[in-house]
């Protein structure tokens, strides 16, 4: 009789605990899947923005080149042409 009472009280509690643990593990698994999905979205966004960044760098490089050429021309008037020409050649090789 005592064994029946114990089994009727302990077994349902154990079953509820097992279901709770299982649900918690499923919830964690879904959370991990969601986190990986967010990481994939961020990586795609970064990949899509790379061409824009490269284009901005190219435009900035062109601006710097034009500015350097203007400085060289202005320096030529002031008598610094040999040094600035050498600097321009050095920079244009990179």
Protein backbone atom coordinates (compact mmCIF):
# COMPACT_ATOMS: atom_id res chain seq x y z
CA UNK A 1 0.00 0.00 0.00
CA UNK A 2 2.79 2.44 0.89
CA UNK A 3 4.59 1.56 -2.37
CA UNK A 4 1.48 2.41 -4.38
CA UNK A 5 1.11 5.81 -2.67
CA UNK A 6 4.79 6.60 -3.20
CA UNK A 7 4.64 5.59 -6.84
CA UNK A 8 1.49 7.66 -7.38
CA UNK A 9 3.19 10.77 -5.97
CA UNK A 10 6.82 10.38 -7.05
CA UNK A 11 6.30 9.17 -10.62
CA UNK A 12 4.10 12.09 -11.73
CA UNK A 13 6.57 14.57 -10.21
CA UNK A 14 9.47 12.86 -11.95
CA UNK A 15 7.54 12.90 -15.23
CA UNK A 16 6.74 16.62 -14.87
CA UNK A 17 10.40 17.33 -14.10
CA UNK A 18 11.53 15.36 -17.16
CA UNK A 19 9.06 17.22 -19.38
CA UNK A 20 10.28 20.52 -17.94
CA UNK A 21 13.91 19.65 -18.60
CA UNK A 22 13.07 18.54 -22.14
CA UNK A 23 11.16 21.76 -22.84
CA UNK A 24 14.05 23.78 -21.47
CA UNK A 25 16.51 21.99 -23.76
CA UNK A 26 14.25 22.53 -26.78
CA UNK A 27 13.98 26.20 -25.87
CA UNK A 28 17.78 26.49 -25.67
CA UNK A 29 18.17 24.74 -29.03
CA UNK A 30 15.75 27.17 -30.66
CA UNK A 31 17.58 30.08 -29.09
CA UNK A 32 20.87 28.86 -30.53
CA UNK A 33 19.29 28.49 -33.98
CA UNK A 34 17.95 32.05 -33.74
CA UNK A 35 21.35 33.38 -32.71
CA UNK A 36 23.07 31.68 -35.64
CA UNK A 37 20.40 33.09 -37.97
CA UNK A 38 21.16 36.60 -36.65
CA UNK A 39 24.87 36.05 -37.22
CA UNK A 40 24.20 34.95 -40.80
CA UNK A 41 22.10 38.06 -41.41
CA UNK A 42 24.89 40.30 -40.10
CA UNK A 43 27.50 38.55 -42.25
CA UNK A 44 25.33 39.00 -45.35
CA UNK A 45 24.85 42.69 -44.55
CA UNK A 46 28.58 43.18 -44.20
CA UNK A 47 29.20 41.30 -47.43
CA UNK A 48 26.66 43.48 -49.24
CA UNK A 49 28.27 46.68 -47.93
CA UNK A 50 31.81 45.80 -49.03
CA UNK A 51 31.42 47.13 -52.61
CA UNK A 52 30.17 50.44 -51.22
CA UNK A 53 33.17 50.67 -48.93
CA UNK A 54 35.58 49.86 -51.76
CA UNK A 55 33.94 52.52 -53.94
CA UNK A 56 34.23 55.12 -51.18
CA UNK A 57 37.92 54.26 -50.73
CA UNK A 58 38.54 54.60 -54.47
CA UNK A 59 36.84 58.01 -54.54
CA UNK A 60 38.87 59.15 -51.55
CA UNK A 61 42.07 57.89 -53.19
CA UNK A 62 41.19 59.89 -56.32
CA UNK A 63 40.56 62.98 -54.20
CA UNK A 64 43.93 62.58 -52.48
CA UNK A 65 45.66 62.09 -55.83
CA UNK A 66 44.10 65.26 -57.24
CA UNK A 67 45.02 67.20 -54.11
CA UNK A 68 48.61 65.98 -54.30
CA UNK A 69 48.81 66.98 -57.96
CA UNK A 70 47.55 70.48 -57.11
CA UNK A 71 50.15 70.75 -54.34
CA UNK A 72 52.88 69.64 -56.75
CA UNK A 73 51.79 72.22 -59.31
CA UNK A 74 51.69 74.93 -56.68
CA UNK A 75 55.04 73.81 -55.31
CA UNK A 76 56.55 73.94 -58.80
CA UNK A 77 55.70 77.58 -58.94
CA UNK A 78 57.41 78.12 -55.60
CA UNK A 79 60.55 76.25 -56.62
CA UNK A 80 59.87 72.92 -54.85
CA UNK A 81 59.10 70.97 -58.00
CA UNK A 82 61.93 68.39 -57.82
CA UNK A 83 61.13 67.25 -54.29
CA UNK A 84 57.37 67.17 -54.81
CA UNK A 85 57.71 65.38 -58.14
CA UNK A 86 59.75 62.69 -56.47
CA UNK A 87 57.08 62.42 -53.77
CA UNK A 88 54.34 62.15 -56.38
CA UNK A 89 56.20 59.41 -58.23
CA UNK A 90 56.76 57.56 -54.99
CA UNK A 91 53.09 57.74 -54.01
CA UNK A 92 51.79 56.86 -57.49
CA UNK A 93 53.84 53.64 -57.48
CA UNK A 94 51.97 52.34 -54.42
